[in-house]
PDB file of N, CA and C in Angstrom:
ATOM      1  N   UNK A   1       0.839  -1.167   0.000  1.00  0.00           N
ATOM      2  CA  UNK A   1       0.000   0.000   0.000  1.00  0.00           C
ATOM      3  C   UNK A   1       0.892   1.240   0.000  1.00  0.00           C
ATOM      4  N   UNK A   2       0.590   2.220  -0.890  1.00  0.00           N
ATOM      5  CA  UNK A   2       1.400   3.437  -0.944  1.00  0.00           C
ATOM      6  C   UNK A   2       1.239   4.262   0.329  1.00  0.00           C
ATOM      7  N   UNK A   3       2.263   5.028   0.631  1.00  0.00           N
ATOM      8  CA  UNK A   3       2.213   5.905   1.799  1.00  0.00           C
ATOM      9  C   UNK A   3       1.246   7.056   1.560  1.00  0.00           C
ATOM     10  N   UNK A   4       0.612   7.510   2.610  1.00  0.00           N
ATOM     11  CA  UNK A   4      -0.274   8.660   2.524  1.00  0.00           C
ATOM     12  C   UNK A   4       0.549   9.904   2.806  1.00  0.00           C
ATOM     13  N   UNK A   5       0.365  10.931   1.980  1.00  0.00           N
ATOM     14  CA  UNK A   5       1.087  12.175   2.197  1.00  0.00           C
ATOM     15  C   UNK A   5       0.174  13.354   1.868  1.00  0.00           C
ATOM     16  N   UNK A   6       0.480  14.467   2.440  1.00  0.00           N
ATOM     17  CA  UNK A   6      -0.277  15.691   2.188  1.00  0.00           C
ATOM     18  C   UNK A   6       0.319  16.408   0.997  1.00  0.00           C
ATOM     19  N   UNK A   7      -0.547  16.878   0.108  1.00  0.00           N
ATOM     20  CA  UNK A   7      -0.114  17.644  -1.056  1.00  0.00           C
ATOM     21  C   UNK A   7      -0.825  18.986  -1.017  1.00  0.00           C
ATOM     22  N   UNK A   8      -0.070  20.076  -0.987  1.00  0.00           N
ATOM     23  CA  UNK A   8      -0.659  21.407  -1.068  1.00  0.00           C
ATOM     24  C   UNK A   8      -0.675  21.823  -2.528  1.00  0.00           C
ATOM     25  N   UNK A   9      -1.842  22.166  -3.003  1.00  0.00           N
ATOM     26  CA  UNK A   9      -1.992  22.580  -4.387  1.00  0.00           C
ATOM     27  C   UNK A   9      -3.184  23.514  -4.483  1.00  0.00           C
ATOM     28  N   UNK A  10      -3.396  24.078  -5.629  1.00  0.00           N
ATOM     29  CA  UNK A  10      -4.473  25.043  -5.813  1.00  0.00           C
ATOM     30  C   UNK A  10      -5.379  24.623  -6.963  1.00  0.00           C
ATOM     31  N   UNK A  11      -6.662  24.775  -6.734  1.00  0.00           N
ATOM     32  CA  UNK A  11      -7.649  24.654  -7.796  1.00  0.00           C
ATOM     33  C   UNK A  11      -7.974  26.074  -8.261  1.00  0.00           C
ATOM     34  N   UNK A  12      -8.418  26.206  -9.490  1.00  0.00           N
ATOM     35  CA  UNK A  12      -8.747  27.511 -10.054  1.00  0.00           C
ATOM     36  C   UNK A  12     -10.201  27.478 -10.490  1.00  0.00           C
ATOM     37  N   UNK A  13     -10.981  28.490 -10.063  1.00  0.00           N
ATOM     38  CA  UNK A  13     -12.407  28.540 -10.374  1.00  0.00           C
ATOM     39  C   UNK A  13     -12.743  29.873 -11.022  1.00  0.00           C
ATOM     40  N   UNK A  14     -13.496  29.815 -12.118  1.00  0.00           N
ATOM     41  CA  UNK A  14     -14.029  31.010 -12.760  1.00  0.00           C
ATOM     42  C   UNK A  14     -15.536  30.886 -12.833  1.00  0.00           C
ATOM     43  N   UNK A  15     -16.222  32.021 -12.735  1.00  0.00           N
ATOM     44  CA  UNK A  15     -17.684  32.000 -12.746  1.00  0.00           C
ATOM     45  C   UNK A  15     -18.202  33.064 -13.702  1.00  0.00           C
ATOM     46  N   UNK A  16     -19.177  32.681 -14.516  1.00  0.00           N
ATOM     47  CA  UNK A  16     -19.892  33.614 -15.376  1.00  0.00           C
ATOM     48  C   UNK A  16     -21.340  33.604 -14.917  1.00  0.00           C
ATOM     49  N   UNK A  17     -21.796  34.725 -14.384  1.00  0.00           N
ATOM     50  CA  UNK A  17     -23.164  34.802 -13.872  1.00  0.00           C
ATOM     51  C   UNK A  17     -24.168  34.679 -15.008  1.00  0.00           C
ATOM     52  N   UNK A  18     -25.243  33.941 -14.744  1.00  0.00           N
ATOM     53  CA  UNK A  18     -26.316  33.792 -15.713  1.00  0.00           C
ATOM     54  C   UNK A  18     -27.112  35.077 -15.867  1.00  0.00           C
ATOM     55  N   UNK A  19     -27.793  35.205 -17.005  1.00  0.00           N
ATOM     56  CA  UNK A  19     -28.529  36.433 -17.299  1.00  0.00           C
ATOM     57  C   UNK A  19     -29.970  36.400 -16.810  1.00  0.00           C
ATOM     58  N   UNK A  20     -30.509  35.223 -16.538  1.00  0.00           N
ATOM     59  CA  UNK A  20     -31.906  35.096 -16.119  1.00  0.00           C
ATOM     60  C   UNK A  20     -31.977  35.014 -14.594  1.00  0.00           C
ATOM     61  N   UNK A  21     -32.578  36.017 -13.935  1.00  0.00           N
ATOM     62  CA  UNK A  21     -32.641  35.995 -12.472  1.00  0.00           C
ATOM     63  C   UNK A  21     -33.290  34.734 -11.902  1.00  0.00           C
ATOM     64  N   UNK A  22     -34.215  34.141 -12.635  1.00  0.00           N
ATOM     65  CA  UNK A  22     -34.890  32.930 -12.153  1.00  0.00           C
ATOM     66  C   UNK A  22     -34.000  31.696 -12.272  1.00  0.00           C
ATOM     67  N   UNK A  23     -32.973  31.759 -13.119  1.00  0.00           N
ATOM     68  CA  UNK A  23     -32.125  30.582 -13.367  1.00  0.00           C
ATOM     69  C   UNK A  23     -30.670  30.783 -12.964  1.00  0.00           C
ATOM     70  N   UNK A  24     -30.281  31.976 -12.556  1.00  0.00           N
ATOM     71  CA  UNK A  24     -28.850  32.218 -12.320  1.00  0.00           C
ATOM     72  C   UNK A  24     -28.296  31.458 -11.124  1.00  0.00           C
ATOM     73  N   UNK A  25     -29.156  30.907 -10.273  1.00  0.00           N
ATOM     74  CA  UNK A  25     -28.669  30.060  -9.180  1.00  0.00           C
ATOM     75  C   UNK A  25     -28.555  28.602  -9.584  1.00  0.00           C
ATOM     76  N   UNK A  26     -28.786  28.315 -10.856  1.00  0.00           N
ATOM     77  CA  UNK A  26     -28.513  26.988 -11.423  1.00  0.00           C
ATOM     78  C   UNK A  26     -27.196  27.103 -12.181  1.00  0.00           C
ATOM     79  N   UNK A  27     -26.381  26.046 -12.113  1.00  0.00           N
ATOM     80  CA  UNK A  27     -25.038  26.110 -12.689  1.00  0.00           C
ATOM     81  C   UNK A  27     -24.788  24.980 -13.683  1.00  0.00           C
ATOM     82  N   UNK A  28     -24.008  25.308 -14.699  1.00  0.00           N
ATOM     83  CA  UNK A  28     -23.430  24.312 -15.601  1.00  0.00           C
ATOM     84  C   UNK A  28     -21.935  24.317 -15.290  1.00  0.00           C
ATOM     85  N   UNK A  29     -21.386  23.144 -15.056  1.00  0.00           N
ATOM     86  CA  UNK A  29     -19.991  23.019 -14.640  1.00  0.00           C
ATOM     87  C   UNK A  29     -19.135  22.481 -15.778  1.00  0.00           C
ATOM     88  N   UNK A  30     -18.048  23.191 -16.049  1.00  0.00           N
ATOM     89  CA  UNK A  30     -17.023  22.728 -16.988  1.00  0.00           C
ATOM     90  C   UNK A  30     -15.759  22.528 -16.173  1.00  0.00           C
ATOM     91  N   UNK A  31     -15.095  21.404 -16.363  1.00  0.00           N
ATOM     92  CA  UNK A  31     -13.923  21.126 -15.544  1.00  0.00           C
ATOM     93  C   UNK A  31     -12.823  20.445 -16.351  1.00  0.00           C
ATOM     94  N   UNK A  32     -11.613  20.624 -15.918  1.00  0.00           N
ATOM     95  CA  UNK A  32     -10.449  19.958 -16.484  1.00  0.00           C
ATOM     96  C   UNK A  32      -9.386  19.897 -15.400  1.00  0.00           C
ATOM     97  N   UNK A  33      -8.445  18.970 -15.531  1.00  0.00           N
ATOM     98  CA  UNK A  33      -7.378  18.911 -14.529  1.00  0.00           C
ATOM     99  C   UNK A  33      -6.071  19.347 -15.166  1.00  0.00           C
ATOM    100  N   UNK A  34      -5.329  20.138 -14.397  1.00  0.00           N
ATOM    101  CA  UNK A  34      -4.129  20.749 -14.952  1.00  0.00           C
ATOM    102  C   UNK A  34      -2.839  20.135 -14.433  1.00  0.00           C
ATOM    103  N   UNK A  35      -2.927  19.226 -13.517  1.00  0.00           N
ATOM    104  CA  UNK A  35      -1.704  18.676 -12.934  1.00  0.00           C
ATOM    105  C   UNK A  35      -1.205  17.471 -13.734  1.00  0.00           C
ATOM    106  N   UNK A  36       0.002  17.055 -13.398  1.00  0.00           N
ATOM    107  CA  UNK A  36       0.628  15.926 -14.080  1.00  0.00           C
ATOM    108  C   UNK A  36       1.728  15.390 -13.169  1.00  0.00           C
ATOM    109  N   UNK A  37       1.856  14.101 -13.124  1.00  0.00           N
ATOM    110  CA  UNK A  37       2.851  13.498 -12.232  1.00  0.00           C
ATOM    111  C   UNK A  37       4.289  13.765 -12.672  1.00  0.00           C
ATOM    112  N   UNK A  38       4.522  14.040 -13.947  1.00  0.00           N
ATOM    113  CA  UNK A  38       5.882  14.347 -14.403  1.00  0.00           C
ATOM    114  C   UNK A  38       6.699  13.111 -14.667  1.00  0.00           C
ATOM    115  N   UNK A  39       7.721  12.897 -13.862  1.00  0.00           N
ATOM    116  CA  UNK A  39       8.593  11.740 -14.035  1.00  0.00           C
ATOM    117  C   UNK A  39       8.624  10.953 -12.735  1.00  0.00           C
ATOM    118  N   UNK A  40       8.958   9.683 -12.857  1.00  0.00           N
ATOM    119  CA  UNK A  40       9.009   8.828 -11.673  1.00  0.00           C
ATOM    120  C   UNK A  40       9.641   7.501 -12.003  1.00  0.00           C
ATOM    121  N   UNK A  41       9.280   6.482 -11.263  1.00  0.00           N
ATOM    122  CA  UNK A  41       9.824   5.150 -11.495  1.00  0.00           C
ATOM    123  C   UNK A  41       9.450   4.668 -12.893  1.00  0.00           C
ATOM    124  N   UNK A  42      10.401   4.096 -13.612  1.00  0.00           N
ATOM    125  CA  UNK A  42      10.116   3.647 -14.974  1.00  0.00           C
ATOM    126  C   UNK A  42       9.031   2.566 -15.032  1.00  0.00           C
ATOM    127  N   UNK A  43       8.186   2.697 -16.041  1.00  0.00           N
ATOM    128  CA  UNK A  43       7.185   1.683 -16.364  1.00  0.00           C
ATOM    129  C   UNK A  43       7.517   1.211 -17.774  1.00  0.00           C
ATOM    130  N   UNK A  44       7.850  -0.055 -17.906  1.00  0.00           N
ATOM    131  CA  UNK A  44       8.283  -0.613 -19.196  1.00  0.00           C
ATOM    132  C   UNK A  44       9.398   0.229 -19.830  1.00  0.00           C
ATOM    133  N   UNK A  45      10.326   0.701 -18.976  1.00  0.00           N
ATOM    134  CA  UNK A  45      11.498   1.424 -19.449  1.00  0.00           C
ATOM    135  C   UNK A  45      11.288   2.916 -19.672  1.00  0.00           C
ATOM    136  N   UNK A  46      10.101   3.439 -19.416  1.00  0.00           N
ATOM    137  CA  UNK A  46       9.808   4.852 -19.659  1.00  0.00           C
ATOM    138  C   UNK A  46       9.505   5.525 -18.316  1.00  0.00           C
ATOM    139  N   UNK A  47      10.329   6.516 -17.928  1.00  0.00           N
ATOM    140  CA  UNK A  47      10.093   7.162 -16.640  1.00  0.00           C
ATOM    141  C   UNK A  47       9.304   8.471 -16.751  1.00  0.00           C
ATOM    142  N   UNK A  48       8.866   8.835 -17.974  1.00  0.00           N
ATOM    143  CA  UNK A  48       8.039  10.021 -18.164  1.00  0.00           C
ATOM    144  C   UNK A  48       6.586   9.594 -18.070  1.00  0.00           C
ATOM    145  N   UNK A  49       5.864  10.191 -17.132  1.00  0.00           N
ATOM    146  CA  UNK A  49       4.440   9.896 -16.979  1.00  0.00           C
ATOM    147  C   UNK A  49       3.672  10.800 -17.938  1.00  0.00           C
ATOM    148  N   UNK A  50       3.426  10.282 -19.102  1.00  0.00           N
ATOM    149  CA  UNK A  50       2.792  11.071 -20.147  1.00  0.00           C
ATOM    150  C   UNK A  50       1.370  11.449 -19.733  1.00  0.00           C
ATOM    151  N   UNK A  51       1.051  12.698 -19.856  1.00  0.00           N
ATOM    152  CA  UNK A  51      -0.258  13.178 -19.480  1.00  0.00           C
ATOM    153  C   UNK A  51      -0.492  14.598 -19.965  1.00  0.00           C
ATOM    154  N   UNK A  52       0.509  15.185 -20.595  1.00  0.00           N
ATOM    155  CA  UNK A  52       0.372  16.566 -21.033  1.00  0.00           C
ATOM    156  C   UNK A  52      -0.752  16.722 -22.040  1.00  0.00           C
ATOM    157  N   UNK A  53      -0.909  15.754 -22.929  1.00  0.00           N
ATOM    158  CA  UNK A  53      -1.983  15.859 -23.922  1.00  0.00           C
ATOM    159  C   UNK A  53      -3.329  15.837 -23.222  1.00  0.00           C
ATOM    160  N   UNK A  54      -3.492  14.909 -22.314  1.00  0.00           N
ATOM    161  CA  UNK A  54      -4.736  14.811 -21.552  1.00  0.00           C
ATOM    162  C   UNK A  54      -4.998  16.111 -20.807  1.00  0.00           C
ATOM    163  N   UNK A  55      -4.037  16.570 -20.057  1.00  0.00           N
ATOM    164  CA  UNK A  55      -4.206  17.765 -19.226  1.00  0.00           C
ATOM    165  C   UNK A  55      -4.346  19.024 -20.070  1.00  0.00           C
ATOM    166  N   UNK A  56      -3.420  19.211 -20.997  1.00  0.00           N
ATOM    167  CA  UNK A  56      -3.427  20.435 -21.796  1.00  0.00           C
ATOM    168  C   UNK A  56      -4.665  20.535 -22.667  1.00  0.00           C
ATOM    169  N   UNK A  57      -5.088  19.439 -23.261  1.00  0.00           N
ATOM    170  CA  UNK A  57      -6.265  19.517 -24.133  1.00  0.00           C
ATOM    171  C   UNK A  57      -7.538  19.759 -23.335  1.00  0.00           C
ATOM    172  N   UNK A  58      -7.661  19.156 -22.165  1.00  0.00           N
ATOM    173  CA  UNK A  58      -8.859  19.359 -21.349  1.00  0.00           C
ATOM    174  C   UNK A  58      -8.966  20.768 -20.812  1.00  0.00           C
ATOM    175  N   UNK A  59      -7.892  21.300 -20.249  1.00  0.00           N
ATOM    176  CA  UNK A  59      -7.917  22.659 -19.714  1.00  0.00           C
ATOM    177  C   UNK A  59      -8.001  23.672 -20.858  1.00  0.00           C
ATOM    178  N   UNK A  60      -7.297  23.408 -21.948  1.00  0.00           N
ATOM    179  CA  UNK A  60      -7.367  24.303 -23.104  1.00  0.00           C
ATOM    180  C   UNK A  60      -8.780  24.384 -23.668  1.00  0.00           C
ATOM    181  N   UNK A  61      -9.443  23.244 -23.772  1.00  0.00           N
ATOM    182  CA  UNK A  61     -10.827  23.239 -24.253  1.00  0.00           C
ATOM    183  C   UNK A  61     -11.733  23.998 -23.302  1.00  0.00           C
ATOM    184  N   UNK A  62     -11.546  23.806 -22.006  1.00  0.00           N
ATOM    185  CA  UNK A  62     -12.364  24.508 -21.023  1.00  0.00           C
ATOM    186  C   UNK A  62     -12.167  26.024 -21.131  1.00  0.00           C
ATOM    187  N   UNK A  63     -10.943  26.469 -21.293  1.00  0.00           N
ATOM    188  CA  UNK A  63     -10.665  27.902 -21.430  1.00  0.00           C
ATOM    189  C   UNK A  63     -11.318  28.458 -22.689  1.00  0.00           C
ATOM    190  N   UNK A  64     -11.262  27.720 -23.773  1.00  0.00           N
ATOM    191  CA  UNK A  64     -11.881  28.186 -25.015  1.00  0.00           C
ATOM    192  C   UNK A  64     -13.400  28.230 -24.916  1.00  0.00           C
ATOM    193  N   UNK A  65     -14.005  27.281 -24.196  1.00  0.00           N
ATOM    194  CA  UNK A  65     -15.452  27.326 -23.960  1.00  0.00           C
ATOM    195  C   UNK A  65     -15.791  28.583 -23.162  1.00  0.00           C
ATOM    196  N   UNK A  66     -15.003  28.881 -22.136  1.00  0.00           N
ATOM    197  CA  UNK A  66     -15.230  30.091 -21.338  1.00  0.00           C
ATOM    198  C   UNK A  66     -15.085  31.337 -22.202  1.00  0.00           C
ATOM    199  N   UNK A  67     -14.068  31.352 -23.034  1.00  0.00           N
ATOM    200  CA  UNK A  67     -13.842  32.508 -23.916  1.00  0.00           C
ATOM    201  C   UNK A  67     -15.018  32.694 -24.868  1.00  0.00           C
ATOM    202  N   UNK A  68     -15.534  31.607 -25.414  1.00  0.00           N
ATOM    203  CA  UNK A  68     -16.664  31.688 -26.343  1.00  0.00           C
ATOM    204  C   UNK A  68     -17.919  32.219 -25.641  1.00  0.00           C
ATOM    205  N   UNK A  69     -18.177  31.746 -24.431  1.00  0.00           N
ATOM    206  CA  UNK A  69     -19.352  32.233 -23.697  1.00  0.00           C
ATOM    207  C   UNK A  69     -19.232  33.719 -23.370  1.00  0.00           C
ATOM    208  N   UNK A  70     -18.026  34.188 -23.023  1.00  0.00           N
ATOM    209  CA  UNK A  70     -17.876  35.605 -22.690  1.00  0.00           C
ATOM    210  C   UNK A  70     -17.942  36.488 -23.932  1.00  0.00           C
ATOM    211  N   UNK A  71     -17.798  35.923 -25.110  1.00  0.00           N
ATOM    212  CA  UNK A  71     -17.879  36.691 -26.354  1.00  0.00           C
ATOM    213  C   UNK A  71     -19.314  36.826 -26.862  1.00  0.00           C
ATOM    214  N   UNK A  72     -20.251  36.108 -26.261  1.00  0.00           N
ATOM    215  CA  UNK A  72     -21.647  36.206 -26.679  1.00  0.00           C
ATOM    216  C   UNK A  72     -22.200  37.595 -26.366  1.00  0.00           C
ATOM    217  N   UNK A  73     -23.186  38.044 -27.132  1.00  0.00           N
ATOM    218  CA  UNK A  73     -23.794  39.351 -26.834  1.00  0.00           C
ATOM    219  C   UNK A  73     -24.440  39.401 -25.450  1.00  0.00           C
ATOM    220  N   UNK A  74     -24.937  38.262 -24.977  1.00  0.00           N
ATOM    221  CA  UNK A  74     -25.565  38.179 -23.663  1.00  0.00           C
ATOM    222  C   UNK A  74     -25.145  36.856 -23.029  1.00  0.00           C
ATOM    223  N   UNK A  75     -24.896  36.838 -21.721  1.00  0.00           N
ATOM    224  CA  UNK A  75     -24.533  35.575 -21.066  1.00  0.00           C
ATOM    225  C   UNK A  75     -25.672  34.563 -21.168  1.00  0.00           C
ATOM    226  N   UNK A  76     -25.367  33.288 -21.016  1.00  0.00           N
ATOM    227  CA  UNK A  76     -26.432  32.277 -21.012  1.00  0.00           C
ATOM    228  C   UNK A  76     -27.357  32.495 -19.810  1.00  0.00           C
ATOM    229  N   UNK A  77     -28.525  31.882 -19.844  1.00  0.00           N
ATOM    230  CA  UNK A  77     -29.509  32.063 -18.777  1.00  0.00           C
ATOM    231  C   UNK A  77     -28.997  31.538 -17.437  1.00  0.00           C
ATOM    232  N   UNK A  78     -28.360  30.374 -17.441  1.00  0.00           N
ATOM    233  CA  UNK A  78     -27.827  29.781 -16.218  1.00  0.00           C
ATOM    234  C   UNK A  78     -26.379  30.219 -16.020  1.00  0.00           C
ATOM    235  N   UNK A  79     -25.938  30.236 -14.783  1.00  0.00           N
ATOM    236  CA  UNK A  79     -24.553  30.577 -14.484  1.00  0.00           C
ATOM    237  C   UNK A  79     -23.638  29.423 -14.870  1.00  0.00           C
ATOM    238  N   UNK A  80     -22.406  29.753 -15.183  1.00  0.00           N
ATOM    239  CA  UNK A  80     -21.414  28.756 -15.575  1.00  0.00           C
ATOM    240  C   UNK A  80     -20.245  28.794 -14.598  1.00  0.00           C
ATOM    241  N   UNK A  81     -19.754  27.625 -14.239  1.00  0.00           N
ATOM    242  CA  UNK A  81     -18.543  27.505 -13.433  1.00  0.00           C
ATOM    243  C   UNK A  81     -17.482  26.798 -14.265  1.00  0.00           C
ATOM    244  N   UNK A  82     -16.280  27.314 -14.230  1.00  0.00           N
ATOM    245  CA  UNK A  82     -15.131  26.733 -14.913  1.00  0.00           C
ATOM    246  C   UNK A  82     -14.121  26.384 -13.832  1.00  0.00           C
ATOM    247  N   UNK A  83     -13.816  25.096 -13.675  1.00  0.00           N
ATOM    248  CA  UNK A  83     -12.985  24.647 -12.564  1.00  0.00           C
ATOM    249  C   UNK A  83     -11.796  23.823 -13.085  1.00  0.00           C
ATOM    250  N   UNK A  84     -10.596  24.323 -12.839  1.00  0.00           N
ATOM    251  CA  UNK A  84      -9.372  23.579 -13.143  1.00  0.00           C
ATOM    252  C   UNK A  84      -8.881  22.985 -11.834  1.00  0.00           C
ATOM    253  N   UNK A  85      -8.879  21.670 -11.757  1.00  0.00           N
ATOM    254  CA  UNK A  85      -8.539  20.992 -10.511  1.00  0.00           C
ATOM    255  C   UNK A  85      -7.166  20.343 -10.605  1.00  0.00           C
ATOM    256  N   UNK A  86      -6.622  20.040  -9.441  1.00  0.00           N
ATOM    257  CA  UNK A  86      -5.337  19.373  -9.368  1.00  0.00           C
ATOM    258  C   UNK A  86      -5.391  18.298  -8.285  1.00  0.00           C
ATOM    259  N   UNK A  87      -4.500  17.369  -8.350  1.00  0.00           N
ATOM    260  CA  UNK A  87      -4.385  16.262  -7.405  1.00  0.00           C
ATOM    261  C   UNK A  87      -5.621  15.366  -7.395  1.00  0.00           C
ATOM    262  N   UNK A  88      -6.391  15.383  -8.477  1.00  0.00           N
ATOM    263  CA  UNK A  88      -7.590  14.536  -8.515  1.00  0.00           C
ATOM    264  C   UNK A  88      -7.237  13.052  -8.549  1.00  0.00           C
ATOM    265  N   UNK A  89      -6.052  12.729  -9.054  1.00  0.00           N
ATOM    266  CA  UNK A  89      -5.641  11.325  -9.046  1.00  0.00           C
ATOM    267  C   UNK A  89      -5.386  10.829  -7.619  1.00  0.00           C
ATOM    268  N   UNK A  90      -5.247  11.761  -6.693  1.00  0.00           N
ATOM    269  CA  UNK A  90      -4.935  11.403  -5.312  1.00  0.00           C
ATOM    270  C   UNK A  90      -6.181  11.078  -4.494  1.00  0.00           C
ATOM    271  N   UNK A  91      -7.362  11.222  -5.112  1.00  0.00           N
ATOM    272  CA  UNK A  91      -8.593  10.920  -4.406  1.00  0.00           C
ATOM    273  C   UNK A  91      -9.180  12.132  -3.772  1.00  0.00           C
TER     274      UNK A  91
END
C-alpha cells in the first residue's frame, strides 16, 4: 500500500453569472485537470508519466469554452462555473 502524504496545491475557479434571475442560481460546470505526475519510477522502461496531452487539451478546451461564452452578446440564462482541478488522481 502506498504511503499517505499531504499535497498542497491550488484549484482555479471562474464564474460567469447567468442572465436570467430565475435561473442564475442553477449552474453548468465545466472542468479539467491541470496537474501531471511528471517523471518517476520507470514503467516498461519509460520514466516520463505522459499526461500533457490529456491535461493540456482538457484545460485548453475549457478555457476556449469560457472565452466563447464571454464573447456572446448576452450571457447564457444559467450561471457557468469553470474549474481547473489538481491532485484529482490522489482521491
